[in-house]
Amino acid sequence: MATHKIDPDEVLLGVALKVYRARVLSEGLTEEIDRVLSSPTAARPEANADGSFSSIYEPTAEPHPAMSLMLGEFAHNARSALDNLVTALVVRNGGTPKSHHKFPLSTHLNEWTASVADLWPADGPLAGVTREALDLIEDVQPFHADDPTHHPLALVGRVNNADKHQMLHAAISYTAPDADQEVLSVLPATTQVQIIWTPARSALLAHGDEATRFRFVGPAPDEFLVKLNWPLTVVFRDHKGRDLNFTELGRMYEAVALAVRPWIDPEYQA
């Protein structure tokens, strides 16, 4: 039986397609999250005994399981692009890809040294790649970062493994970690409103929770309309309780695109 021959150029085309697919999924997921986060609440303010009013979190749109599916598909395509790259590099250098070949994501220098560098070129996940390829892959490893476990490539690996081997991430609404509520407008325009309480930053918001407490400066009008901004975010929680803020998606995509760029970008190669 003839042995099937792998064309490294075809593999690299697949890498580029997977990276592009990851981008499409990342952008689509971000757009859907933005739509949900910009949806208004359906609840009317509730009057309190002390004269203040409470706004209740009853959103007209909430995070849903399809978001978690998109996250898993994004991470799978991103991680697969990295591993497929190693296949192309091995074949291009005259080798045969084996089951142990993969794109390492090392969060510690000693891990990289012991499981990758010291075993190369005869063994390990990068066995058979060129020295140049080894060095380029080392340059993008998470262990170079101040917080390696939160390096975007480490996050790609973490999310992919949790989604593939354990379960879908839970999509959850949280108050934003970096912004506070503000009064946007008040009707009648002659009245003023003060926000006197908000949930803490990065706090879980469940349907029916109090999201804001405010009061009027002076007597409260019989009828009024108060518009507030509610800075929210969506986090994805895995089976170990580890959270991923959706704002990390762009960084994760960019890290993968930069990691494979030396081999799929003609301008870089030139």
Protein backbone atom coordinates (compact mmCIF):
# COMPACT_ATOMS: atom_id res chain seq x y z
CA MET A 1 0.00 0.00 0.00
CA ALA A 2 1.38 3.40 -0.97
CA THR A 3 1.99 5.80 1.90
CA HIS A 4 -0.04 8.97 1.69
CA LYS A 5 2.19 11.97 1.17
CA ILE A 6 1.38 15.15 3.05
CA ASP A 7 1.87 18.39 1.15
CA PRO A 8 3.11 21.00 3.66
CA ASP A 9 1.74 23.82 1.52
CA GLU A 10 -1.75 22.33 1.74
CA VAL A 11 -1.34 22.05 5.50
CA LEU A 12 -0.32 25.71 5.73
CA LEU A 13 -3.35 26.68 3.67
CA GLY A 14 -5.45 24.85 6.24
CA VAL A 15 -3.67 26.73 9.01
CA ALA A 16 -4.56 30.04 7.38
CA LEU A 17 -8.18 28.95 6.94
CA LYS A 18 -8.45 27.88 10.59
CA VAL A 19 -7.01 31.20 11.76
CA TYR A 20 -9.50 33.03 9.55
CA ARG A 21 -12.34 30.89 10.92
CA ALA A 22 -11.22 31.72 14.46
CA ARG A 23 -11.39 35.41 13.57
CA VAL A 24 -14.90 35.07 12.14
CA LEU A 25 -16.07 33.26 15.27
CA SER A 26 -14.40 35.78 17.58
CA GLU A 27 -15.97 38.73 15.80
CA GLY A 28 -19.38 37.06 15.61
CA LEU A 29 -19.33 36.17 19.29
CA THR A 30 -18.26 39.69 20.25
CA GLU A 31 -21.09 41.19 18.17
CA GLU A 32 -23.65 38.91 19.82
CA ILE A 33 -22.35 39.77 23.29
CA ASP A 34 -22.44 43.49 22.48
CA ARG A 35 -26.06 43.09 21.37
CA VAL A 36 -26.98 41.42 24.64
CA LEU A 37 -25.09 43.92 26.79
CA SER A 38 -26.72 46.89 25.07
CA SER A 39 -30.25 45.52 25.57
CA PRO A 40 -32.36 47.55 28.03
CA THR A 41 -33.98 46.27 31.19
CA ALA A 42 -37.70 45.61 31.11
CA ALA A 43 -38.29 46.50 34.78
CA ARG A 44 -39.65 49.78 36.13
CA PRO A 45 -37.91 51.42 39.10
CA GLU A 46 -39.24 50.36 42.49
CA ALA A 47 -39.86 52.95 45.22
CA ASN A 48 -38.16 52.34 48.57
CA ALA A 49 -39.36 53.43 52.02
CA ASP A 50 -36.54 55.97 52.38
CA GLY A 51 -37.58 57.85 49.24
CA SER A 52 -34.97 56.27 46.98
CA PHE A 53 -35.66 54.10 43.95
CA SER A 54 -34.20 50.74 42.90
CA SER A 55 -33.63 49.68 39.31
CA ILE A 56 -33.94 45.93 38.83
CA TYR A 57 -31.91 43.79 36.43
CA GLU A 58 -34.49 42.27 34.10
CA PRO A 59 -32.70 42.35 30.74
CA THR A 60 -34.54 41.84 27.49
CA ALA A 61 -31.59 39.71 26.30
CA GLU A 62 -29.20 37.54 28.30
CA PRO A 63 -26.12 35.36 27.66
CA HIS A 64 -27.14 32.04 26.10
CA PRO A 65 -25.57 28.61 25.42
CA ALA A 66 -24.92 29.37 21.75
CA MET A 67 -22.29 31.84 22.95
CA SER A 68 -20.51 29.00 24.73
CA LEU A 69 -20.61 26.88 21.57
CA MET A 70 -19.03 29.72 19.59
CA LEU A 71 -16.33 30.14 22.23
CA GLY A 72 -15.43 26.45 22.02
CA GLU A 73 -15.36 26.51 18.22
CA PHE A 74 -13.15 29.60 18.29
CA ALA A 75 -10.68 28.00 20.70
CA HIS A 76 -10.66 24.72 18.75
CA ASN A 77 -9.84 26.39 15.44
CA ALA A 78 -7.19 28.57 17.06
CA ARG A 79 -5.50 25.65 18.85
CA SER A 80 -5.80 23.38 15.84
CA ALA A 81 -4.12 25.98 13.62
CA LEU A 82 -1.10 25.95 15.94
CA ASP A 83 -0.85 22.15 15.99
CA ASN A 84 -1.34 21.88 12.22
CA LEU A 85 1.52 24.33 11.78
CA VAL A 86 3.86 21.86 13.47
CA THR A 87 2.73 19.15 11.04
CA ALA A 88 3.71 21.38 8.13
CA LEU A 89 7.07 22.26 9.69
CA VAL A 90 7.96 18.61 10.31
CA VAL A 91 7.05 17.52 6.77
CA ARG A 92 8.76 20.50 5.19
CA ASN A 93 11.98 19.49 6.96
CA GLY A 94 11.75 15.92 5.66
CA GLY A 95 10.16 14.29 8.69
CA THR A 96 6.98 12.36 9.38
CA PRO A 97 4.43 13.80 11.84
CA LYS A 98 3.73 11.61 14.87
CA SER A 99 1.09 11.66 17.58
CA HIS A 100 3.41 13.51 19.98
CA HIS A 101 3.88 16.43 17.62
CA LYS A 102 2.06 19.58 18.73
CA PHE A 103 2.59 23.29 19.28
CA PRO A 104 3.78 23.60 22.89
CA LEU A 105 2.25 26.20 25.17
CA SER A 106 4.69 26.41 28.07
CA THR A 107 3.94 28.68 31.02
CA HIS A 108 7.31 28.01 32.71
CA LEU A 109 10.80 28.19 31.27
CA ASN A 110 11.82 24.95 32.97
CA GLU A 111 8.80 23.24 31.39
CA TRP A 112 9.90 24.43 27.95
CA THR A 113 13.48 23.37 28.58
CA ALA A 114 12.68 19.91 29.92
CA SER A 115 9.83 18.92 27.61
CA VAL A 116 10.78 20.72 24.40
CA ALA A 117 14.24 22.26 24.02
CA ASP A 118 16.31 19.51 25.67
CA LEU A 119 14.54 16.82 23.61
CA TRP A 120 14.91 18.59 20.26
CA PRO A 121 15.73 17.69 17.51
CA ALA A 122 15.27 13.94 17.98
CA ASP A 123 12.24 13.88 20.28
CA GLY A 124 9.54 15.96 21.89
CA PRO A 125 6.61 17.91 20.46
CA LEU A 126 8.85 19.79 18.00
CA ALA A 127 11.05 16.87 16.95
CA GLY A 128 12.30 17.31 13.41
CA VAL A 129 11.60 21.01 12.93
CA THR A 130 14.42 23.36 12.02
CA ARG A 131 16.34 25.41 14.56
CA GLU A 132 14.79 28.56 13.10
CA ALA A 133 11.29 27.16 13.62
CA LEU A 134 12.15 26.10 17.17
CA ASP A 135 13.41 29.60 17.99
CA LEU A 136 10.38 31.33 16.47
CA ILE A 137 8.00 29.11 18.44
CA GLU A 138 9.98 29.74 21.62
CA ASP A 139 9.68 33.49 21.07
CA VAL A 140 5.87 33.38 21.43
CA GLN A 141 5.69 31.07 24.46
CA PRO A 142 3.56 32.20 27.42
CA PHE A 143 6.46 31.87 29.88
CA HIS A 144 7.88 35.16 28.59
CA ALA A 145 4.89 37.09 30.02
CA ASP A 146 4.67 38.60 33.51
CA ASP A 147 1.56 36.49 34.10
CA PRO A 148 2.10 33.39 31.94
CA THR A 149 -1.16 31.65 32.81
CA HIS A 150 -3.10 34.64 31.46
CA HIS A 151 -1.01 34.98 28.31
CA PRO A 152 -3.47 34.81 25.36
CA LEU A 153 -1.94 31.61 23.96
CA ALA A 154 -2.20 29.97 27.38
CA LEU A 155 -5.85 31.02 27.46
CA VAL A 156 -6.42 29.45 24.04
CA GLY A 157 -5.04 26.16 25.32
CA ARG A 158 -7.01 26.34 28.57
CA VAL A 159 -10.34 27.13 26.93
CA ASN A 160 -9.87 24.51 24.22
CA ASN A 161 -9.01 21.77 26.71
CA ALA A 162 -11.90 22.58 29.04
CA ASP A 163 -14.40 22.71 26.17
CA LYS A 164 -13.07 19.58 24.46
CA HIS A 165 -12.59 17.33 27.48
CA GLN A 166 -15.00 18.58 30.16
CA MET A 167 -18.02 20.75 29.31
CA LEU A 168 -19.29 23.93 27.74
CA HIS A 169 -18.28 27.12 29.49
CA ALA A 170 -21.13 28.91 31.25
CA ALA A 171 -21.84 32.40 29.86
CA ILE A 172 -22.57 34.78 32.76
CA SER A 173 -23.40 38.49 33.08
CA TYR A 174 -21.15 40.47 35.41
CA THR A 175 -20.74 44.12 36.25
CA ALA A 176 -17.79 45.53 34.35
CA PRO A 177 -14.41 45.43 36.12
CA ASP A 178 -13.31 48.85 34.87
CA ALA A 179 -16.28 51.23 34.74
CA ASP A 180 -18.94 52.73 37.02
CA GLN A 181 -22.58 53.63 36.47
CA GLU A 182 -23.60 57.12 35.40
CA VAL A 183 -26.84 59.04 34.99
CA LEU A 184 -27.33 59.60 31.26
CA SER A 185 -30.52 61.67 31.26
CA VAL A 186 -33.49 62.61 33.44
CA LEU A 187 -37.01 63.72 32.55
CA PRO A 188 -38.37 66.16 33.61
CA ALA A 189 -35.14 67.94 32.68
CA THR A 190 -35.51 70.29 35.66
CA THR A 191 -34.90 67.43 38.11
CA GLN A 192 -31.61 65.93 39.23
CA VAL A 193 -30.75 62.37 40.25
CA GLN A 194 -27.95 60.96 42.37
CA ILE A 195 -26.81 57.33 42.28
CA ILE A 196 -26.42 56.23 45.89
CA TRP A 197 -25.60 52.52 45.47
CA THR A 198 -24.40 50.15 42.78
CA PRO A 199 -23.12 46.57 42.88
CA ALA A 200 -19.38 46.12 43.22
CA ARG A 201 -17.29 45.87 40.09
CA SER A 202 -16.98 42.33 38.71
CA ALA A 203 -20.11 41.20 40.58
CA LEU A 204 -22.50 38.52 39.35
CA LEU A 205 -25.85 39.88 38.15
CA ALA A 206 -28.80 37.50 38.23
CA HIS A 207 -32.25 38.17 36.82
CA GLY A 208 -34.25 40.17 39.38
CA ASP A 209 -31.24 41.56 41.27
CA GLU A 210 -31.09 45.20 42.30
CA ALA A 211 -28.70 46.88 39.86
CA THR A 212 -28.89 50.54 40.94
CA ARG A 213 -30.31 52.65 43.75
CA PHE A 214 -30.87 56.34 43.12
CA ARG A 215 -32.66 59.33 44.60
CA PHE A 216 -33.86 62.69 43.40
CA VAL A 217 -32.27 65.91 44.58
CA GLY A 218 -35.44 67.43 45.97
CA PRO A 219 -38.97 66.04 45.74
CA ALA A 220 -39.46 63.12 43.36
CA PRO A 221 -41.84 63.94 40.49
CA ASP A 222 -44.97 61.85 40.06
CA GLU A 223 -43.78 60.74 36.62
CA PHE A 224 -40.18 60.53 35.49
CA LEU A 225 -37.77 58.81 33.15
CA VAL A 226 -34.23 58.12 34.31
CA LYS A 227 -31.69 56.62 31.93
CA LEU A 228 -28.60 55.02 33.44
CA ASN A 229 -25.66 53.27 31.87
CA TRP A 230 -25.00 49.83 33.30
CA PRO A 231 -21.44 48.83 32.40
CA LEU A 232 -21.66 45.06 32.06
CA THR A 233 -19.52 42.29 30.68
CA VAL A 234 -19.90 38.60 29.90
CA VAL A 235 -17.52 36.05 31.35
CA PHE A 236 -17.21 32.41 30.41
CA ARG A 237 -16.71 30.06 33.38
CA ASP A 238 -15.23 26.58 33.00
CA HIS A 239 -15.64 23.43 35.10
CA LYS A 240 -12.92 24.60 37.52
CA GLY A 241 -14.53 27.99 38.10
CA ARG A 242 -11.98 29.85 35.98
CA ASP A 243 -13.41 32.90 34.27
CA LEU A 244 -12.58 34.31 30.86
CA ASN A 245 -13.77 37.84 30.10
CA PHE A 246 -15.04 38.04 26.53
CA THR A 247 -12.77 41.05 25.99
CA GLU A 248 -9.85 38.59 25.88
CA LEU A 249 -11.05 37.10 22.58
CA GLY A 250 -9.32 39.70 20.44
CA ARG A 251 -6.00 39.21 22.21
CA MET A 252 -6.28 35.44 21.88
CA TYR A 253 -6.92 35.65 18.14
CA GLU A 254 -4.08 38.12 17.59
CA ALA A 255 -1.63 35.93 19.51
CA VAL A 256 -2.44 32.91 17.34
CA ALA A 257 -2.24 34.97 14.14
CA LEU A 258 1.17 36.33 15.15
CA ALA A 259 2.42 32.87 16.13
CA VAL A 260 1.73 31.40 12.68
CA ARG A 261 2.53 34.53 10.68
CA PRO A 262 6.17 33.65 9.81
CA TRP A 263 4.93 30.69 7.75
CA ILE A 264 1.68 31.93 6.20
CA ASP A 265 2.29 35.65 5.57
CA PRO A 266 4.16 36.29 2.29
CA GLU A 267 5.13 39.79 3.44
CA TYR A 268 6.78 38.39 6.57
CA GLN A 269 8.63 35.76 4.55
CA ALA A 270 9.86 38.40 2.09
